[in-house]
Amino acid sequence: MKNEVDPIHLIKQKHKVYKENKEKRMMLGVRHADLSAALRPSFKRRLIAGFYDFILLFSILFVVTLIASLMTRSIAGEAAMNDLPYTLWFPILLFLIIFAFFIFFWVYAGQTLGMIAWRLQLFRDDGYPLTLKNAILRFVLIITTFWFGGFLWIFLTENKKALHDILSKTNVVVPSRRIFTDSKHYRPRRRFKR
């Protein structure tokens, strides 16, 4: 019976091929960038994009604080409203909003709104967009390396990477047609006719 094939062996073999190609399957239809040809943004450009994000986050947190204080006042009274910043849940809520803001934009678009305004885009070192795991790691590293001058590494490294970019294996680049291996993923800025 030479023609008989062991079905267990076939299943194991198919599963092995499935696991090997998992990363490739996940990236089908996803933009890929050749980062060797990418322009690196200056410290000033990254700082201004971060300031845009700060203004947006400040307004979001202001509205959330207003809603939380009005709800606290209506439920617990005037005295409880003054204790709102000292409660445990309120700072956690604000932190989760900031966390969700950055994670959502980095994973969904590879750019926050400030990065869109200043034409910056975020990629992993291999040229693919960030996954949820990469975005969470980058967020945690930004918070921890900020106190050690993590952004100042932009001046020390050849490819203008901050410390959190080096540790999380991410790149902030200026998107252009030449970095995308498939140019259909490039969306140039719209220019108004003069």
N, C-alpha and C. Protein backbone atom coordinates (compact mmCIF):
# COMPACT_ATOMS: atom_id res chain seq x y z
N MET A 1 0.82 -1.17 0.00
CA MET A 1 0.00 0.00 0.00
C MET A 1 0.88 1.25 0.00
N LYS A 2 1.56 1.46 -1.07
CA LYS A 2 2.45 2.61 -1.20
C LYS A 2 1.68 3.90 -1.41
N ASN A 3 0.48 3.84 -1.97
CA ASN A 3 -0.28 5.05 -2.28
C ASN A 3 -1.02 5.62 -1.08
N GLU A 4 -1.04 4.92 0.02
CA GLU A 4 -1.75 5.42 1.19
C GLU A 4 -0.95 6.56 1.82
N VAL A 5 -1.68 7.62 2.16
CA VAL A 5 -1.06 8.78 2.79
C VAL A 5 -1.64 8.92 4.19
N ASP A 6 -0.77 9.16 5.11
CA ASP A 6 -1.19 9.31 6.49
C ASP A 6 -1.92 10.67 6.64
N PRO A 7 -3.22 10.69 6.99
CA PRO A 7 -3.95 11.96 7.10
C PRO A 7 -3.42 12.85 8.22
N ILE A 8 -2.93 12.27 9.27
CA ILE A 8 -2.36 13.06 10.36
C ILE A 8 -1.13 13.81 9.88
N HIS A 9 -0.30 13.14 9.11
CA HIS A 9 0.89 13.77 8.56
C HIS A 9 0.51 14.93 7.64
N LEU A 10 -0.50 14.76 6.82
CA LEU A 10 -0.95 15.84 5.93
C LEU A 10 -1.46 17.04 6.72
N ILE A 11 -2.21 16.78 7.76
CA ILE A 11 -2.74 17.88 8.59
C ILE A 11 -1.60 18.63 9.26
N LYS A 12 -0.62 17.93 9.79
CA LYS A 12 0.54 18.58 10.42
C LYS A 12 1.32 19.41 9.41
N GLN A 13 1.47 18.89 8.22
CA GLN A 13 2.21 19.58 7.18
C GLN A 13 1.47 20.88 6.77
N LYS A 14 0.15 20.78 6.59
CA LYS A 14 -0.64 21.96 6.22
C LYS A 14 -0.61 23.00 7.33
N HIS A 15 -0.67 22.56 8.59
CA HIS A 15 -0.62 23.48 9.71
C HIS A 15 0.73 24.20 9.79
N LYS A 16 1.81 23.48 9.48
CA LYS A 16 3.14 24.07 9.48
C LYS A 16 3.23 25.17 8.42
N VAL A 17 2.75 24.89 7.22
CA VAL A 17 2.76 25.89 6.15
C VAL A 17 1.87 27.08 6.53
N TYR A 18 0.73 26.79 7.16
CA TYR A 18 -0.19 27.84 7.59
C TYR A 18 0.49 28.79 8.58
N LYS A 19 1.20 28.24 9.55
CA LYS A 19 1.89 29.07 10.54
C LYS A 19 3.02 29.88 9.92
N GLU A 20 3.74 29.31 8.96
CA GLU A 20 4.84 30.01 8.32
C GLU A 20 4.35 31.20 7.51
N ASN A 21 3.19 31.08 6.91
CA ASN A 21 2.68 32.14 6.04
C ASN A 21 1.72 33.08 6.75
N LYS A 22 1.58 32.95 8.06
CA LYS A 22 0.62 33.77 8.79
C LYS A 22 0.93 35.26 8.65
N GLU A 23 2.20 35.62 8.83
CA GLU A 23 2.59 37.03 8.72
C GLU A 23 2.34 37.56 7.32
N LYS A 24 2.64 36.77 6.31
CA LYS A 24 2.41 37.19 4.93
C LYS A 24 0.93 37.38 4.65
N ARG A 25 0.09 36.48 5.17
CA ARG A 25 -1.35 36.59 4.95
C ARG A 25 -1.91 37.82 5.64
N MET A 26 -1.40 38.12 6.82
CA MET A 26 -1.90 39.27 7.57
C MET A 26 -1.57 40.57 6.84
N MET A 27 -0.50 40.60 6.10
CA MET A 27 -0.06 41.83 5.46
C MET A 27 -0.56 41.97 4.02
N LEU A 28 -1.38 41.04 3.54
CA LEU A 28 -1.90 41.16 2.18
C LEU A 28 -2.78 42.40 2.09
N GLY A 29 -2.54 43.21 1.10
CA GLY A 29 -3.34 44.41 0.92
C GLY A 29 -2.94 45.56 1.82
N VAL A 30 -1.89 45.39 2.63
CA VAL A 30 -1.44 46.43 3.53
C VAL A 30 -0.27 47.15 2.89
N ARG A 31 -0.24 48.46 3.04
CA ARG A 31 0.84 49.22 2.42
C ARG A 31 2.19 48.85 3.06
N HIS A 32 3.18 48.80 2.23
CA HIS A 32 4.53 48.49 2.66
C HIS A 32 5.42 49.62 2.16
N ALA A 33 6.32 50.06 3.01
CA ALA A 33 7.19 51.18 2.64
C ALA A 33 8.64 50.75 2.65
N ASP A 34 9.40 51.27 1.69
CA ASP A 34 10.84 51.07 1.65
C ASP A 34 11.45 52.24 2.41
N LEU A 35 11.81 52.01 3.66
CA LEU A 35 12.24 53.11 4.53
C LEU A 35 13.66 53.58 4.24
N SER A 36 14.39 52.85 3.42
CA SER A 36 15.75 53.29 3.10
C SER A 36 15.72 54.56 2.25
N ALA A 37 14.64 54.76 1.51
CA ALA A 37 14.51 55.94 0.66
C ALA A 37 13.71 57.06 1.31
N ALA A 38 13.32 56.88 2.57
CA ALA A 38 12.42 57.82 3.24
C ALA A 38 13.17 59.04 3.77
N LEU A 39 12.50 60.17 3.75
CA LEU A 39 13.02 61.38 4.38
C LEU A 39 12.65 61.35 5.85
N ARG A 40 13.58 61.74 6.71
CA ARG A 40 13.34 61.76 8.15
C ARG A 40 12.96 63.18 8.57
N PRO A 41 11.91 63.32 9.38
CA PRO A 41 11.49 64.66 9.79
C PRO A 41 12.45 65.26 10.81
N SER A 42 12.49 66.57 10.83
CA SER A 42 13.34 67.27 11.78
C SER A 42 12.69 67.25 13.17
N PHE A 43 13.46 67.61 14.17
CA PHE A 43 12.96 67.69 15.53
C PHE A 43 11.85 68.74 15.62
N LYS A 44 12.04 69.85 14.93
CA LYS A 44 11.05 70.93 14.94
C LYS A 44 9.71 70.46 14.38
N ARG A 45 9.75 69.72 13.30
CA ARG A 45 8.52 69.23 12.67
C ARG A 45 7.79 68.25 13.58
N ARG A 46 8.54 67.37 14.22
CA ARG A 46 7.93 66.41 15.15
C ARG A 46 7.37 67.12 16.37
N LEU A 47 8.07 68.15 16.85
CA LEU A 47 7.62 68.91 18.01
C LEU A 47 6.32 69.65 17.71
N ILE A 48 6.22 70.26 16.55
CA ILE A 48 5.00 70.98 16.18
C ILE A 48 3.83 70.02 15.99
N ALA A 49 4.08 68.87 15.38
CA ALA A 49 3.01 67.86 15.23
C ALA A 49 2.54 67.39 16.61
N GLY A 50 3.47 67.22 17.54
CA GLY A 50 3.11 66.85 18.91
C GLY A 50 2.30 67.94 19.60
N PHE A 51 2.64 69.21 19.31
CA PHE A 51 1.88 70.32 19.88
C PHE A 51 0.45 70.33 19.35
N TYR A 52 0.26 70.02 18.08
CA TYR A 52 -1.09 69.90 17.51
C TYR A 52 -1.88 68.82 18.24
N ASP A 53 -1.25 67.68 18.47
CA ASP A 53 -1.91 66.60 19.19
C ASP A 53 -2.24 67.01 20.62
N PHE A 54 -1.34 67.77 21.24
CA PHE A 54 -1.58 68.25 22.61
C PHE A 54 -2.81 69.14 22.66
N ILE A 55 -2.95 70.05 21.69
CA ILE A 55 -4.11 70.95 21.66
C ILE A 55 -5.39 70.13 21.49
N LEU A 56 -5.37 69.18 20.60
CA LEU A 56 -6.55 68.34 20.38
C LEU A 56 -6.89 67.52 21.63
N LEU A 57 -5.88 66.90 22.23
CA LEU A 57 -6.12 66.11 23.44
C LEU A 57 -6.59 66.97 24.60
N PHE A 58 -6.05 68.17 24.71
CA PHE A 58 -6.47 69.09 25.77
C PHE A 58 -7.96 69.41 25.63
N SER A 59 -8.41 69.65 24.40
CA SER A 59 -9.83 69.96 24.21
C SER A 59 -10.71 68.75 24.51
N ILE A 60 -10.26 67.55 24.11
CA ILE A 60 -11.03 66.34 24.41
C ILE A 60 -11.11 66.12 25.93
N LEU A 61 -9.98 66.27 26.62
CA LEU A 61 -9.95 66.07 28.06
C LEU A 61 -10.76 67.15 28.79
N PHE A 62 -10.80 68.34 28.24
CA PHE A 62 -11.60 69.42 28.83
C PHE A 62 -13.08 69.06 28.78
N VAL A 63 -13.54 68.56 27.65
CA VAL A 63 -14.95 68.17 27.50
C VAL A 63 -15.28 67.01 28.44
N VAL A 64 -14.38 66.02 28.51
CA VAL A 64 -14.61 64.87 29.40
C VAL A 64 -14.66 65.34 30.86
N THR A 65 -13.79 66.25 31.24
CA THR A 65 -13.78 66.78 32.60
C THR A 65 -15.07 67.53 32.89
N LEU A 66 -15.54 68.31 31.94
CA LEU A 66 -16.80 69.04 32.11
C LEU A 66 -17.96 68.07 32.31
N ILE A 67 -18.03 67.05 31.46
CA ILE A 67 -19.11 66.06 31.58
C ILE A 67 -19.02 65.31 32.91
N ALA A 68 -17.82 64.92 33.30
CA ALA A 68 -17.64 64.19 34.57
C ALA A 68 -18.01 65.06 35.77
N SER A 69 -17.64 66.33 35.72
CA SER A 69 -17.98 67.19 36.86
C SER A 69 -19.48 67.46 36.93
N LEU A 70 -20.12 67.62 35.79
CA LEU A 70 -21.58 67.82 35.80
C LEU A 70 -22.30 66.57 36.29
N MET A 71 -21.83 65.41 35.87
CA MET A 71 -22.45 64.16 36.33
C MET A 71 -22.22 63.97 37.83
N THR A 72 -21.03 64.28 38.31
CA THR A 72 -20.72 64.14 39.74
C THR A 72 -21.57 65.09 40.56
N ARG A 73 -21.73 66.30 40.04
CA ARG A 73 -22.54 67.30 40.74
C ARG A 73 -24.00 66.88 40.83
N SER A 74 -24.52 66.33 39.73
CA SER A 74 -25.93 65.94 39.75
C SER A 74 -26.19 64.70 40.59
N ILE A 75 -25.20 63.82 40.68
CA ILE A 75 -25.39 62.59 41.44
C ILE A 75 -25.07 62.78 42.92
N ALA A 76 -23.90 63.36 43.21
CA ALA A 76 -23.43 63.40 44.60
C ALA A 76 -23.52 64.78 45.25
N GLY A 77 -23.79 65.80 44.48
CA GLY A 77 -23.93 67.12 45.07
C GLY A 77 -22.71 68.00 44.87
N GLU A 78 -22.83 69.24 45.33
CA GLU A 78 -21.80 70.27 45.12
C GLU A 78 -20.47 69.92 45.80
N ALA A 79 -20.51 69.36 46.99
CA ALA A 79 -19.29 69.07 47.74
C ALA A 79 -18.46 67.99 47.05
N ALA A 80 -19.11 67.03 46.44
CA ALA A 80 -18.38 65.95 45.77
C ALA A 80 -17.70 66.42 44.51
N MET A 81 -18.22 67.48 43.88
CA MET A 81 -17.63 67.98 42.64
C MET A 81 -16.22 68.53 42.88
N ASN A 82 -15.98 69.11 44.03
CA ASN A 82 -14.66 69.65 44.34
C ASN A 82 -13.63 68.55 44.56
N ASP A 83 -14.07 67.35 44.91
CA ASP A 83 -13.18 66.22 45.15
C ASP A 83 -12.91 65.40 43.90
N LEU A 84 -13.47 65.79 42.76
CA LEU A 84 -13.34 65.00 41.53
C LEU A 84 -11.89 64.74 41.13
N PRO A 85 -10.99 65.74 41.12
CA PRO A 85 -9.59 65.44 40.72
C PRO A 85 -8.87 64.51 41.68
N TYR A 86 -9.37 64.37 42.90
CA TYR A 86 -8.70 63.55 43.91
C TYR A 86 -9.24 62.13 43.98
N THR A 87 -10.25 61.83 43.17
CA THR A 87 -10.77 60.47 43.15
C THR A 87 -9.84 59.57 42.34
N LEU A 88 -9.97 58.29 42.52
CA LEU A 88 -9.10 57.35 41.82
C LEU A 88 -9.52 57.16 40.36
N TRP A 89 -10.80 57.14 40.10
CA TRP A 89 -11.29 56.83 38.76
C TRP A 89 -11.05 57.95 37.75
N PHE A 90 -11.02 59.19 38.18
CA PHE A 90 -10.92 60.29 37.23
C PHE A 90 -9.56 60.37 36.53
N PRO A 91 -8.43 60.32 37.22
CA PRO A 91 -7.14 60.31 36.51
C PRO A 91 -6.97 59.07 35.63
N ILE A 92 -7.51 57.94 36.09
CA ILE A 92 -7.43 56.73 35.27
C ILE A 92 -8.23 56.92 33.98
N LEU A 93 -9.41 57.54 34.09
CA LEU A 93 -10.22 57.82 32.90
C LEU A 93 -9.47 58.72 31.92
N LEU A 94 -8.84 59.78 32.42
CA LEU A 94 -8.09 60.68 31.55
C LEU A 94 -6.91 59.96 30.88
N PHE A 95 -6.21 59.14 31.64
CA PHE A 95 -5.09 58.38 31.07
C PHE A 95 -5.58 57.42 29.99
N LEU A 96 -6.70 56.75 30.22
CA LEU A 96 -7.24 55.81 29.22
C LEU A 96 -7.67 56.53 27.94
N ILE A 97 -8.16 57.75 28.07
CA ILE A 97 -8.53 58.51 26.88
C ILE A 97 -7.29 58.87 26.08
N ILE A 98 -6.24 59.31 26.74
CA ILE A 98 -4.98 59.62 26.04
C ILE A 98 -4.42 58.36 25.40
N PHE A 99 -4.42 57.26 26.12
CA PHE A 99 -3.95 55.98 25.61
C PHE A 99 -4.73 55.57 24.37
N ALA A 100 -6.06 55.62 24.45
CA ALA A 100 -6.91 55.22 23.32
C ALA A 100 -6.71 56.13 22.11
N PHE A 101 -6.50 57.41 22.34
CA PHE A 101 -6.28 58.36 21.25
C PHE A 101 -5.06 57.96 20.42
N PHE A 102 -3.94 57.78 21.09
CA PHE A 102 -2.71 57.45 20.36
C PHE A 102 -2.76 56.06 19.75
N ILE A 103 -3.21 55.08 20.50
CA ILE A 103 -3.24 53.71 19.99
C ILE A 103 -4.15 53.61 18.78
N PHE A 104 -5.33 54.21 18.84
CA PHE A 104 -6.27 54.16 17.73
C PHE A 104 -5.66 54.77 16.46
N PHE A 105 -5.11 55.95 16.57
CA PHE A 105 -4.57 56.61 15.38
C PHE A 105 -3.32 55.92 14.84
N TRP A 106 -2.45 55.43 15.72
CA TRP A 106 -1.24 54.76 15.25
C TRP A 106 -1.55 53.45 14.55
N VAL A 107 -2.51 52.69 15.08
CA VAL A 107 -2.84 51.41 14.47
C VAL A 107 -3.72 51.60 13.24
N TYR A 108 -4.71 52.46 13.33
CA TYR A 108 -5.68 52.62 12.25
C TYR A 108 -5.08 53.34 11.04
N ALA A 109 -4.37 54.45 11.27
CA ALA A 109 -3.89 55.26 10.15
C ALA A 109 -2.37 55.39 10.09
N GLY A 110 -1.68 55.03 11.15
CA GLY A 110 -0.24 55.24 11.19
C GLY A 110 0.13 56.69 11.43
N GLN A 111 -0.87 57.51 11.73
CA GLN A 111 -0.67 58.94 11.94
C GLN A 111 -1.69 59.45 12.93
N THR A 112 -1.27 60.36 13.81
CA THR A 112 -2.23 61.10 14.62
C THR A 112 -2.66 62.31 13.79
N LEU A 113 -3.59 63.09 14.30
CA LEU A 113 -4.05 64.25 13.53
C LEU A 113 -2.95 65.29 13.36
N GLY A 114 -2.11 65.44 14.38
CA GLY A 114 -0.98 66.35 14.25
C GLY A 114 0.03 65.86 13.21
N MET A 115 0.22 64.55 13.15
CA MET A 115 1.13 63.98 12.16
C MET A 115 0.56 64.12 10.75
N ILE A 116 -0.76 64.03 10.61
CA ILE A 116 -1.38 64.22 9.30
C ILE A 116 -1.16 65.66 8.83
N ALA A 117 -1.36 66.61 9.74
CA ALA A 117 -1.20 68.03 9.39
C ALA A 117 0.23 68.35 8.95
N TRP A 118 1.21 67.70 9.56
CA TRP A 118 2.61 67.98 9.24
C TRP A 118 3.23 66.89 8.38
N ARG A 119 2.40 66.07 7.75
CA ARG A 119 2.83 65.04 6.81
C ARG A 119 3.92 64.13 7.39
N LEU A 120 3.58 63.47 8.48
CA LEU A 120 4.46 62.47 9.08
C LEU A 120 3.70 61.16 9.14
N GLN A 121 4.41 60.05 9.01
CA GLN A 121 3.76 58.75 9.10
C GLN A 121 4.65 57.80 9.89
N LEU A 122 4.00 56.86 10.56
CA LEU A 122 4.68 55.95 11.45
C LEU A 122 4.67 54.54 10.88
N PHE A 123 5.84 53.90 10.83
CA PHE A 123 5.98 52.53 10.34
C PHE A 123 6.85 51.74 11.30
N ARG A 124 6.76 50.42 11.21
CA ARG A 124 7.72 49.57 11.90
C ARG A 124 9.02 49.59 11.10
N ASP A 125 10.08 49.04 11.67
CA ASP A 125 11.37 49.01 10.98
C ASP A 125 11.34 48.20 9.70
N ASP A 126 10.43 47.21 9.62
CA ASP A 126 10.35 46.40 8.41
C ASP A 126 9.49 47.05 7.32
N GLY A 127 8.95 48.24 7.57
CA GLY A 127 8.20 48.97 6.56
C GLY A 127 6.70 48.76 6.61
N TYR A 128 6.22 47.92 7.51
CA TYR A 128 4.78 47.68 7.63
C TYR A 128 4.17 48.59 8.69
N PRO A 129 2.86 48.79 8.65
CA PRO A 129 2.19 49.61 9.68
C PRO A 129 2.28 48.95 11.06
N LEU A 130 2.06 49.75 12.09
CA LEU A 130 2.13 49.26 13.46
C LEU A 130 0.97 48.31 13.76
N THR A 131 1.26 47.30 14.53
CA THR A 131 0.23 46.43 15.07
C THR A 131 -0.16 46.97 16.44
N LEU A 132 -1.18 46.39 17.04
CA LEU A 132 -1.62 46.83 18.36
C LEU A 132 -0.49 46.67 19.39
N LYS A 133 0.23 45.57 19.31
CA LYS A 133 1.34 45.30 20.22
C LYS A 133 2.44 46.36 20.07
N ASN A 134 2.79 46.71 18.82
CA ASN A 134 3.82 47.73 18.59
C ASN A 134 3.38 49.09 19.12
N ALA A 135 2.12 49.43 18.92
CA ALA A 135 1.61 50.73 19.35
C ALA A 135 1.60 50.84 20.87
N ILE A 136 1.20 49.78 21.56
CA ILE A 136 1.19 49.80 23.02
C ILE A 136 2.61 49.92 23.56
N LEU A 137 3.54 49.17 22.97
CA LEU A 137 4.94 49.25 23.39
C LEU A 137 5.49 50.66 23.17
N ARG A 138 5.19 51.25 22.03
CA ARG A 138 5.68 52.60 21.73
C ARG A 138 5.11 53.61 22.72
N PHE A 139 3.83 53.50 23.05
CA PHE A 139 3.20 54.42 24.01
C PHE A 139 3.86 54.32 25.38
N VAL A 140 4.07 53.10 25.86
CA VAL A 140 4.71 52.90 27.17
C VAL A 140 6.14 53.45 27.15
N LEU A 141 6.85 53.21 26.06
CA LEU A 141 8.24 53.70 25.97
C LEU A 141 8.31 55.22 25.87
N ILE A 142 7.36 55.86 25.23
CA ILE A 142 7.35 57.33 25.18
C ILE A 142 7.22 57.87 26.60
N ILE A 143 6.32 57.30 27.37
CA ILE A 143 6.11 57.78 28.74
C ILE A 143 7.36 57.56 29.59
N THR A 144 7.98 56.40 29.47
CA THR A 144 9.14 56.11 30.33
C THR A 144 10.40 56.82 29.87
N THR A 145 10.63 56.92 28.56
CA THR A 145 11.88 57.54 28.11
C THR A 145 11.81 59.06 28.06
N PHE A 146 10.63 59.63 28.18
CA PHE A 146 10.50 61.09 28.18
C PHE A 146 11.31 61.71 29.31
N TRP A 147 11.30 61.07 30.46
CA TRP A 147 11.99 61.60 31.63
C TRP A 147 13.51 61.47 31.52
N PHE A 148 13.98 60.66 30.58
CA PHE A 148 15.42 60.49 30.37
C PHE A 148 15.90 61.20 29.11
N GLY A 149 15.13 62.14 28.62
CA GLY A 149 15.52 62.87 27.42
C GLY A 149 15.45 62.03 26.16
N GLY A 150 14.45 61.18 26.06
CA GLY A 150 14.32 60.27 24.93
C GLY A 150 14.18 60.96 23.58
N PHE A 151 13.57 62.15 23.58
CA PHE A 151 13.41 62.87 22.32
C PHE A 151 14.72 63.50 21.86
N LEU A 152 15.64 63.72 22.77
CA LEU A 152 16.93 64.34 22.40
C LEU A 152 17.81 63.40 21.59
N TRP A 153 17.47 62.11 21.59
CA TRP A 153 18.23 61.14 20.79
C TRP A 153 18.10 61.44 19.30
N ILE A 154 17.12 62.22 18.92
CA ILE A 154 16.96 62.59 17.51
C ILE A 154 18.22 63.30 17.01
N PHE A 155 18.85 64.07 17.88
CA PHE A 155 20.07 64.79 17.50
C PHE A 155 21.30 63.88 17.49
N LEU A 156 21.22 62.76 18.21
CA LEU A 156 22.39 61.89 18.34
C LEU A 156 22.43 60.76 17.32
N THR A 157 21.30 60.35 16.80
CA THR A 157 21.27 59.23 15.88
C THR A 157 21.31 59.70 14.43
N GLU A 158 21.85 58.85 13.60
CA GLU A 158 22.03 59.18 12.18
C GLU A 158 20.70 59.30 11.44
N ASN A 159 19.75 58.44 11.75
CA ASN A 159 18.47 58.46 11.05
C ASN A 159 17.37 59.17 11.83
N LYS A 160 17.74 60.05 12.76
CA LYS A 160 16.83 60.91 13.51
C LYS A 160 15.73 60.14 14.24
N LYS A 161 16.12 59.09 14.95
CA LYS A 161 15.17 58.31 15.72
C LYS A 161 15.29 58.67 17.20
N ALA A 162 14.13 58.86 17.83
CA ALA A 162 14.10 59.09 19.27
C ALA A 162 14.35 57.76 19.98
N LEU A 163 14.61 57.83 21.28
CA LEU A 163 14.92 56.62 22.04
C LEU A 163 13.76 55.63 22.00
N HIS A 164 12.53 56.14 22.11
CA HIS A 164 11.38 55.23 22.08
C HIS A 164 11.20 54.60 20.69
N ASP A 165 11.62 55.29 19.63
CA ASP A 165 11.56 54.70 18.28
C ASP A 165 12.59 53.58 18.14
N ILE A 166 13.76 53.78 18.72
CA ILE A 166 14.80 52.75 18.65
C ILE A 166 14.37 51.50 19.40
N LEU A 167 13.86 51.69 20.62
CA LEU A 167 13.48 50.55 21.46
C LEU A 167 12.23 49.83 20.95
N SER A 168 11.30 50.57 20.36
CA SER A 168 10.07 49.92 19.86
C SER A 168 10.17 49.53 18.40
N LYS A 169 11.33 49.80 17.78
CA LYS A 169 11.60 49.45 16.38
C LYS A 169 10.57 50.07 15.44
N THR A 170 10.37 51.39 15.60
CA THR A 170 9.47 52.14 14.73
C THR A 170 10.21 53.29 14.08
N ASN A 171 9.62 53.83 13.02
CA ASN A 171 10.20 54.95 12.29
C ASN A 171 9.14 55.99 12.01
N VAL A 172 9.47 57.24 12.20
CA VAL A 172 8.62 58.34 11.78
C VAL A 172 9.26 58.91 10.53
N VAL A 173 8.50 58.92 9.43
CA VAL A 173 9.04 59.38 8.15
C VAL A 173 8.09 60.39 7.51
N VAL A 174 8.60 61.09 6.51
CA VAL A 174 7.79 61.96 5.69
C VAL A 174 7.32 61.12 4.50
N PRO A 175 6.01 60.84 4.39
CA PRO A 175 5.56 59.95 3.31
C PRO A 175 5.70 60.62 1.94
N SER A 176 6.17 59.85 0.99
CA SER A 176 6.27 60.32 -0.39
C SER A 176 6.08 59.12 -1.30
N ARG A 177 5.89 59.39 -2.57
CA ARG A 177 5.62 58.32 -3.53
C ARG A 177 6.79 57.34 -3.62
N ARG A 178 7.99 57.80 -3.39
CA ARG A 178 9.14 56.92 -3.60
C ARG A 178 9.34 55.87 -2.51
N ILE A 179 8.72 56.03 -1.34
CA ILE A 179 8.94 55.03 -0.29
C ILE A 179 7.98 53.85 -0.38
N PHE A 180 6.86 54.01 -1.07
CA PHE A 180 5.90 52.93 -1.16
C PHE A 180 6.25 52.01 -2.30
N THR A 181 6.31 50.71 -2.02
CA THR A 181 6.66 49.76 -3.06
C THR A 181 5.54 49.64 -4.08
N ASP A 182 4.32 49.93 -3.68
CA ASP A 182 3.19 49.97 -4.59
C ASP A 182 2.62 51.38 -4.49
N SER A 183 2.78 52.19 -5.53
CA SER A 183 2.45 53.61 -5.44
C SER A 183 0.96 53.89 -5.30
N LYS A 184 0.10 52.87 -5.44
CA LYS A 184 -1.33 53.13 -5.28
C LYS A 184 -1.68 53.45 -3.82
N HIS A 185 -0.79 53.15 -2.88
CA HIS A 185 -1.05 53.45 -1.47
C HIS A 185 -0.65 54.86 -1.08
N TYR A 186 -0.03 55.58 -1.99
CA TYR A 186 0.39 56.94 -1.67
C TYR A 186 -0.77 57.88 -1.92
N ARG A 187 -1.11 58.67 -0.90
CA ARG A 187 -2.16 59.68 -1.06
C ARG A 187 -1.52 61.04 -0.93
N PRO A 188 -1.26 61.71 -2.06
CA PRO A 188 -0.62 63.02 -1.97
C PRO A 188 -1.57 64.05 -1.36
N ARG A 189 -0.99 65.10 -0.81
CA ARG A 189 -1.82 66.17 -0.27
C ARG A 189 -2.58 66.84 -1.40
N ARG A 190 -3.80 67.22 -1.13
CA ARG A 190 -4.58 67.93 -2.14
C ARG A 190 -4.12 69.38 -2.18
N ARG A 191 -3.92 69.84 -3.37
CA ARG A 191 -3.49 71.23 -3.55
C ARG A 191 -4.64 71.99 -4.21
N PHE A 192 -4.86 73.20 -3.72
CA PHE A 192 -5.91 74.02 -4.28
C PHE A 192 -5.37 74.76 -5.50
N LYS A 193 -6.24 74.91 -6.49
CA LYS A 193 -5.84 75.66 -7.70
C LYS A 193 -5.76 77.14 -7.35
N ARG A 194 -4.74 77.77 -7.85
CA ARG A 194 -4.57 79.20 -7.57
C ARG A 194 -4.97 80.02 -8.75
